[in-house]
Amino acid sequence: MQIRGVWLTNIDSEVLFKKKALSKAINTLSELNFNTLYPTVWNWGYTLYPSLVAKKLTGRFMDPTEGLQGRDILKETVQLAHQKQMRVIPWFEFGFMAPEDADLVQNHRQWLTQRQDGTTIWWEGKVHQRVWFNPLRPEVQQFVTDLIMEIVDRYEVDGIQVDDHFGFPVEFGYDDYTIKLYQSEHNGQSPPTDYRNAEWVQWRADKITAYVGTLYQRIKQSHPQMIFSVSPNPQGFSLQAFLLDWYKWYQQKNIDELIVQVYRDNLDSFQKELAQPELIAAKGNIAVGIGVLAGLKGRPVSLEQITSQVNTVREQGFSGVSFFFYESLWNLGAESVGDRQKAFQSLFST
């Protein structure tokens, strides 16, 4: 199957907040021969579906945004998409990240990891203050496993997807728990002060890799057909910036589908990323697609760029593409909605 996917987000997009809008979007995508939806289900410290696991730890069943109340958007998405023979692979977007003021953070501050100076705030852009739960802590792993298993057990989804937020920023890892764990494996020696030290980077990344192996086995035990999808940045950036060694996950056979985000405006740099050895190696063994940027709010991407990138992905023999994100496919573009939809119709003509 050629992957023709799109991420459905609750940021800069209204598609998830009204059932009518969701139904219309899925119908349009189906008519244009898309076949895979990646709807976000974990964002801003909340689930976007009613969750008993989240209720227990945050005090809330789900995100309090008005358009989500009295609904189960994941159930709706699965029903609508499956009627059109489209796959639904929920996207665990925030991973181990949360807003600093989230209920979950206030209730479990001991779960956070930190920098050497004790700070925990990580700025996303200029306005969003984020913090990171420590994925090396067993209780954090348990919480995330419980959330993911809740989705795959309760819903007729086709898989689950994680991305770079399933690691944590390289400057973090200097919390007491991680330091003690490192010392216990290094004859009492503390972690290097250089957070980019190669051994220290790999040690933290390997701990996350070990957890992913456990999670993968847990999912497969009860749902052998469930797709474990990963949508990271290219390997070098993923590992060095977020301690996420997806190539090792692949080598240990813990990825079923890989969608690498290659958001580049320049075709040369786009092609350069597609030629990375990790990508070429994985392409021969599992489904490997490429994440293509269809635009952002205030940053439209031209049809010409989208078309040339999709054609490049095809020429290089990848398993398909997924677009970030639904709203920018035709609503945030420089061209008219009709022109953009026509262009996607010709890209996916059958």
Protein backbone atom coordinates (compact mmCIF):
# COMPACT_ATOMS: atom_id res chain seq x y z
CA MET A 1 0.00 0.00 0.00
CA GLN A 2 1.22 3.49 -0.85
CA ILE A 3 0.83 5.72 2.23
CA ARG A 4 -1.21 8.85 1.49
CA GLY A 5 -1.55 10.32 4.93
CA VAL A 6 -2.37 13.55 6.72
CA TRP A 7 -2.03 14.70 10.32
CA LEU A 8 -5.21 16.04 11.94
CA THR A 9 -4.33 18.55 14.67
CA ASN A 10 -6.17 20.58 17.28
CA ILE A 11 -3.77 23.51 16.79
CA ASP A 12 -4.44 26.13 14.04
CA SER A 13 -7.26 23.90 12.82
CA GLU A 14 -10.97 23.49 13.56
CA VAL A 15 -11.36 20.08 11.94
CA LEU A 16 -11.61 18.11 15.21
CA PHE A 17 -13.93 20.47 17.06
CA LYS A 18 -17.18 19.83 15.16
CA LYS A 19 -18.45 16.44 14.03
CA LYS A 20 -19.83 17.98 10.83
CA ALA A 21 -16.41 19.49 9.96
CA LEU A 22 -14.67 16.17 10.71
CA SER A 23 -17.14 14.22 8.56
CA LYS A 24 -16.78 16.70 5.67
CA ALA A 25 -12.96 16.58 5.89
CA ILE A 26 -12.84 12.77 5.85
CA ASN A 27 -15.25 12.64 2.87
CA THR A 28 -13.11 15.14 0.94
CA LEU A 29 -9.87 13.29 1.76
CA SER A 30 -11.43 10.01 0.68
CA GLU A 31 -12.61 11.54 -2.62
CA LEU A 32 -9.04 12.72 -3.21
CA ASN A 33 -7.74 9.17 -2.57
CA PHE A 34 -6.00 9.76 0.77
CA ASN A 35 -5.89 6.53 2.79
CA THR A 36 -4.41 7.25 6.24
CA LEU A 37 -5.33 9.66 9.04
CA TYR A 38 -3.04 10.52 11.95
CA PRO A 39 -5.33 12.32 14.43
CA THR A 40 -3.71 13.80 17.52
CA VAL A 41 -4.95 12.19 20.75
CA TRP A 42 -2.51 13.47 23.40
CA ASN A 43 -1.77 17.17 23.52
CA TRP A 44 -1.33 20.06 25.99
CA GLY A 45 -1.30 17.59 28.90
CA TYR A 46 -4.71 16.16 28.04
CA THR A 47 -6.21 13.35 26.01
CA LEU A 48 -8.58 14.37 23.21
CA TYR A 49 -10.75 11.32 23.88
CA PRO A 50 -12.48 10.34 27.17
CA SER A 51 -9.78 8.60 29.19
CA LEU A 52 -10.06 6.81 32.53
CA VAL A 53 -6.26 6.67 32.74
CA ALA A 54 -6.00 10.47 32.37
CA LYS A 55 -8.87 11.07 34.81
CA LYS A 56 -7.06 9.13 37.49
CA LEU A 57 -3.91 11.28 37.23
CA THR A 58 -5.10 14.67 35.98
CA GLY A 59 -8.60 14.84 37.44
CA ARG A 60 -10.02 15.31 33.91
CA PHE A 61 -11.36 12.76 31.44
CA MET A 62 -10.20 14.85 28.50
CA ASP A 63 -9.17 18.23 27.11
CA PRO A 64 -11.66 20.83 28.45
CA THR A 65 -11.99 22.66 25.08
CA GLU A 66 -15.67 23.26 24.38
CA GLY A 67 -15.86 21.61 20.94
CA LEU A 68 -14.70 18.27 22.36
CA GLN A 69 -17.22 17.98 25.20
CA GLY A 70 -19.92 15.31 24.98
CA ARG A 71 -18.05 13.69 22.08
CA ASP A 72 -15.46 11.03 21.46
CA ILE A 73 -13.52 12.34 18.46
CA LEU A 74 -11.38 9.23 18.21
CA LYS A 75 -14.45 6.97 17.97
CA GLU A 76 -15.99 9.34 15.40
CA THR A 77 -12.79 9.42 13.32
CA VAL A 78 -12.46 5.62 13.31
CA GLN A 79 -16.10 5.11 12.29
CA LEU A 80 -16.06 7.76 9.53
CA ALA A 81 -12.66 6.73 8.14
CA HIS A 82 -13.26 2.98 8.19
CA GLN A 83 -16.47 3.50 6.21
CA LYS A 84 -14.19 4.93 3.52
CA GLN A 85 -11.55 2.16 3.87
CA MET A 86 -9.06 4.63 5.38
CA ARG A 87 -6.61 3.70 8.15
CA VAL A 88 -6.63 5.57 11.48
CA ILE A 89 -3.35 5.71 13.40
CA PRO A 90 -3.73 8.01 16.44
CA TRP A 91 -0.79 10.34 16.98
CA PHE A 92 0.59 10.62 20.51
CA GLU A 93 1.78 14.13 19.69
CA PHE A 94 3.10 15.57 22.95
CA GLY A 95 4.88 12.37 24.00
CA PHE A 96 6.67 13.14 27.28
CA MET A 97 6.15 16.90 26.94
CA ALA A 98 3.47 18.99 28.67
CA PRO A 99 2.61 22.65 29.25
CA GLU A 100 4.14 23.96 32.46
CA ASP A 101 0.71 24.78 33.93
CA ALA A 102 -0.99 21.46 33.04
CA ASP A 103 -2.90 19.64 35.82
CA LEU A 104 -0.73 16.57 35.29
CA VAL A 105 2.42 18.63 35.90
CA GLN A 106 1.02 20.27 39.04
CA ASN A 107 0.04 16.84 40.41
CA HIS A 108 3.34 15.11 39.56
CA ARG A 109 6.21 17.61 39.64
CA GLN A 110 8.54 14.83 40.85
CA TRP A 111 8.17 13.26 37.37
CA LEU A 112 9.94 16.16 35.64
CA THR A 113 13.46 16.09 34.31
CA GLN A 114 15.69 19.18 34.40
CA ARG A 115 18.85 20.90 33.23
CA GLN A 116 22.06 21.11 35.27
CA ASP A 117 20.99 24.45 36.72
CA GLY A 118 17.74 22.93 37.98
CA THR A 119 15.49 24.68 35.45
CA THR A 120 12.64 22.72 33.90
CA ILE A 121 11.09 25.17 31.40
CA TRP A 122 11.65 24.49 27.71
CA TRP A 123 10.39 27.19 25.37
CA GLU A 124 8.56 26.10 22.24
CA GLY A 125 8.61 29.17 20.03
CA LYS A 126 8.42 32.42 21.98
CA VAL A 127 5.18 31.84 23.85
CA HIS A 128 4.81 28.23 24.98
CA GLN A 129 6.42 27.14 28.23
CA ARG A 130 6.83 23.36 28.21
CA VAL A 131 8.26 20.85 30.67
CA TRP A 132 9.32 17.24 30.15
CA PHE A 133 8.38 14.15 32.11
CA ASN A 134 11.35 11.87 32.59
CA PRO A 135 10.86 8.80 30.34
CA LEU A 136 13.45 6.89 32.38
CA ARG A 137 11.18 6.86 35.47
CA PRO A 138 9.09 3.65 35.78
CA GLU A 139 5.94 5.55 36.87
CA VAL A 140 6.17 7.85 33.82
CA GLN A 141 6.63 4.84 31.55
CA GLN A 142 3.65 3.17 33.21
CA PHE A 143 1.42 6.21 32.68
CA VAL A 144 2.31 6.47 28.99
CA THR A 145 1.98 2.71 28.44
CA ASP A 146 -1.44 2.79 30.13
CA LEU A 147 -2.60 5.66 27.89
CA ILE A 148 -1.44 3.91 24.73
CA MET A 149 -2.88 0.54 25.73
CA GLU A 150 -6.16 2.24 26.58
CA ILE A 151 -6.34 3.46 22.96
CA VAL A 152 -5.36 0.20 21.28
CA ASP A 153 -7.59 -1.88 23.59
CA ARG A 154 -10.70 0.31 23.39
CA TYR A 155 -10.73 1.55 19.81
CA GLU A 156 -10.67 -0.17 16.42
CA VAL A 157 -7.58 1.79 15.42
CA ASP A 158 -5.01 0.52 12.94
CA GLY A 159 -1.99 1.56 14.96
CA ILE A 160 -0.43 4.19 17.21
CA GLN A 161 2.15 6.82 16.32
CA VAL A 162 4.86 8.60 18.33
CA ASP A 163 7.44 11.18 17.24
CA ASP A 164 10.49 13.07 18.59
CA HIS A 165 8.55 14.06 21.71
CA PHE A 166 8.97 10.42 22.75
CA GLY A 167 12.49 11.44 23.73
CA PHE A 168 13.43 14.61 25.60
CA PRO A 169 15.71 17.61 24.88
CA VAL A 170 19.42 16.81 25.08
CA GLU A 171 20.14 19.46 27.75
CA PHE A 172 17.83 17.66 30.20
CA GLY A 173 18.53 14.55 32.29
CA TYR A 174 20.15 16.17 35.32
CA ASP A 175 17.32 15.35 37.74
CA ASP A 176 18.12 13.29 40.86
CA TYR A 177 16.55 10.11 39.54
CA THR A 178 18.58 10.06 36.31
CA ILE A 179 21.82 11.08 38.02
CA LYS A 180 21.49 8.25 40.57
CA LEU A 181 20.67 5.76 37.83
CA TYR A 182 23.72 6.87 35.84
CA GLN A 183 25.95 6.68 38.94
CA SER A 184 24.70 3.17 39.73
CA GLU A 185 25.92 2.05 36.28
CA HIS A 186 29.18 4.07 36.28
CA ASN A 187 30.84 3.21 39.62
CA GLY A 188 29.42 6.27 41.33
CA GLN A 189 30.61 8.68 38.66
CA SER A 190 28.21 11.57 37.84
CA PRO A 191 27.05 12.34 34.29
CA PRO A 192 29.32 14.61 32.21
CA THR A 193 28.66 18.35 32.48
CA ASP A 194 28.75 18.50 28.67
CA TYR A 195 25.21 17.39 27.85
CA ARG A 196 26.29 16.62 24.28
CA ASN A 197 28.97 14.16 25.44
CA ALA A 198 28.58 11.19 23.07
CA GLU A 199 28.44 8.48 25.76
CA TRP A 200 25.97 10.47 27.89
CA VAL A 201 23.75 11.14 24.84
CA GLN A 202 23.78 7.45 23.88
CA TRP A 203 23.20 6.23 27.46
CA ARG A 204 20.03 8.30 27.79
CA ALA A 205 18.88 7.40 24.27
CA ASP A 206 19.43 3.69 25.01
CA LYS A 207 17.21 3.90 28.10
CA ILE A 208 14.40 5.29 25.94
CA THR A 209 15.08 2.60 23.31
CA ALA A 210 14.75 -0.09 26.01
CA TYR A 211 11.40 1.33 27.10
CA VAL A 212 10.14 1.42 23.49
CA GLY A 213 11.10 -2.24 23.10
CA THR A 214 8.98 -3.11 26.15
CA LEU A 215 6.08 -0.98 24.92
CA TYR A 216 6.24 -2.51 21.43
CA GLN A 217 6.11 -6.06 22.85
CA ARG A 218 3.21 -5.11 25.12
CA ILE A 219 1.17 -3.77 22.17
CA LYS A 220 1.98 -6.78 19.97
CA GLN A 221 1.10 -9.35 22.64
CA SER A 222 -2.56 -8.35 22.58
CA HIS A 223 -2.74 -6.79 19.09
CA PRO A 224 -0.27 -8.48 16.71
CA GLN A 225 -1.61 -6.55 13.69
CA MET A 226 -1.37 -3.14 15.35
CA ILE A 227 1.05 -0.81 13.51
CA PHE A 228 3.66 0.95 15.63
CA SER A 229 4.38 4.05 13.59
CA VAL A 230 7.16 6.58 14.30
CA SER A 231 7.28 10.06 12.72
CA PRO A 232 10.61 11.56 13.80
CA ASN A 233 13.00 14.07 12.31
CA PRO A 234 16.00 12.70 10.36
CA GLN A 235 18.17 10.44 12.56
CA GLY A 236 21.04 12.85 13.28
CA PHE A 237 18.74 15.59 14.56
CA SER A 238 16.45 13.19 16.43
CA LEU A 239 19.33 11.68 18.39
CA GLN A 240 21.35 14.82 19.01
CA ALA A 241 18.41 17.11 19.86
CA PHE A 242 15.87 14.73 21.45
CA LEU A 243 17.83 11.61 22.46
CA LEU A 244 15.59 9.61 20.15
CA ASP A 245 17.60 6.90 18.41
CA TRP A 246 14.94 5.71 16.00
CA TYR A 247 17.48 3.89 13.85
CA LYS A 248 18.26 1.61 16.79
CA TRP A 249 14.51 1.08 17.31
CA TYR A 250 14.36 -0.02 13.68
CA GLN A 251 17.41 -2.30 14.05
CA GLN A 252 15.77 -3.96 17.07
CA LYS A 253 12.62 -4.50 14.96
CA ASN A 254 10.47 -2.18 17.08
CA ILE A 255 9.06 -0.06 14.24
CA ASP A 256 6.45 -1.16 11.68
CA GLU A 257 6.07 2.13 9.84
CA LEU A 258 8.43 5.10 9.66
CA ILE A 259 7.36 8.55 8.44
CA VAL A 260 10.38 10.86 8.58
CA GLN A 261 9.53 14.56 8.76
CA VAL A 262 11.56 16.23 6.01
CA TYR A 263 10.24 19.79 6.15
CA ARG A 264 12.53 21.59 3.72
CA ASP A 265 11.80 24.46 1.33
CA ASN A 266 14.78 23.67 -0.88
CA LEU A 267 14.56 20.62 -3.15
CA ASP A 268 18.32 19.94 -2.92
CA SER A 269 18.25 19.74 0.88
CA PHE A 270 15.04 17.67 0.67
CA GLN A 271 16.76 15.17 -1.64
CA LYS A 272 19.86 15.15 0.58
CA GLU A 273 17.77 14.05 3.57
CA LEU A 274 16.11 11.31 1.49
CA ALA A 275 19.59 9.92 0.73
CA GLN A 276 20.61 9.50 4.41
CA PRO A 277 21.96 5.96 5.02
CA GLU A 278 19.57 5.20 7.93
CA LEU A 279 16.60 6.01 5.71
CA ILE A 280 17.91 3.91 2.82
CA ALA A 281 18.58 0.94 5.14
CA ALA A 282 15.10 1.07 6.70
CA LYS A 283 13.40 1.56 3.32
CA GLY A 284 14.43 -1.92 2.24
CA ASN A 285 12.70 -3.63 5.18
CA ILE A 286 9.74 -1.67 6.54
CA ALA A 287 7.22 0.86 5.22
CA VAL A 288 9.08 4.18 5.06
CA GLY A 289 7.18 7.30 4.10
CA ILE A 290 8.20 10.95 4.09
CA GLY A 291 6.48 13.74 6.00
CA VAL A 292 5.92 16.67 3.62
CA LEU A 293 5.05 20.17 4.83
CA ALA A 294 1.84 21.43 3.19
CA GLY A 295 2.11 24.75 5.02
CA LEU A 296 1.76 26.37 8.43
CA LYS A 297 -0.35 29.27 9.66
CA GLY A 298 1.38 32.35 8.24
CA ARG A 299 3.77 30.21 6.21
CA PRO A 300 2.04 28.89 3.07
CA VAL A 301 3.76 26.28 0.91
CA SER A 302 3.23 26.43 -2.85
CA LEU A 303 1.61 23.67 -4.86
CA GLU A 304 4.76 23.60 -6.97
CA GLN A 305 6.91 22.71 -3.94
CA ILE A 306 4.45 20.09 -2.66
CA THR A 307 4.17 18.44 -6.09
CA SER A 308 7.93 18.33 -6.69
CA GLN A 309 8.54 16.82 -3.22
CA VAL A 310 5.85 14.14 -3.64
CA ASN A 311 7.23 13.24 -7.07
CA THR A 312 10.76 13.05 -5.63
CA VAL A 313 9.56 10.68 -2.88
CA ARG A 314 7.96 8.46 -5.54
CA GLU A 315 10.99 8.48 -7.81
CA GLN A 316 13.16 7.35 -4.89
CA GLY A 317 10.90 4.38 -4.15
CA PHE A 318 9.58 5.31 -0.71
CA SER A 319 6.30 3.91 0.61
CA GLY A 320 4.40 7.19 0.35
CA VAL A 321 3.88 10.53 2.04
CA SER A 322 2.03 12.17 4.90
CA PHE A 323 1.24 15.88 4.96
CA PHE A 324 1.55 18.26 7.85
CA PHE A 325 -1.16 19.24 8.30
CA TYR A 326 -4.84 18.96 7.29
CA GLU A 327 -5.67 22.68 7.48
CA SER A 328 -2.81 23.66 5.20
CA LEU A 329 -3.66 21.15 2.46
CA TRP A 330 -6.08 23.68 0.94
CA ASN A 331 -7.24 26.21 3.54
CA LEU A 332 -3.95 27.99 4.28
CA GLY A 333 -2.42 27.95 0.80
CA ALA A 334 -1.65 30.87 -1.52
CA GLU A 335 -3.74 29.22 -4.25
CA SER A 336 -7.52 28.75 -4.15
CA VAL A 337 -9.11 25.78 -2.36
CA GLY A 338 -10.33 24.45 -5.71
CA ASP A 339 -6.91 24.67 -7.34
CA ARG A 340 -5.21 22.94 -4.42
CA GLN A 341 -7.77 20.14 -4.29
CA LYS A 342 -7.39 19.64 -8.05
CA ALA A 343 -3.61 19.35 -7.59
CA PHE A 344 -4.00 16.65 -4.91
CA GLN A 345 -6.54 14.87 -7.13
CA SER A 346 -3.90 14.63 -9.87
CA LEU A 347 -1.18 13.58 -7.41
CA PHE A 348 -3.40 10.73 -6.18
CA SER A 349 -5.32 10.02 -9.37
CA THR A 350 -6.33 6.44 -8.52
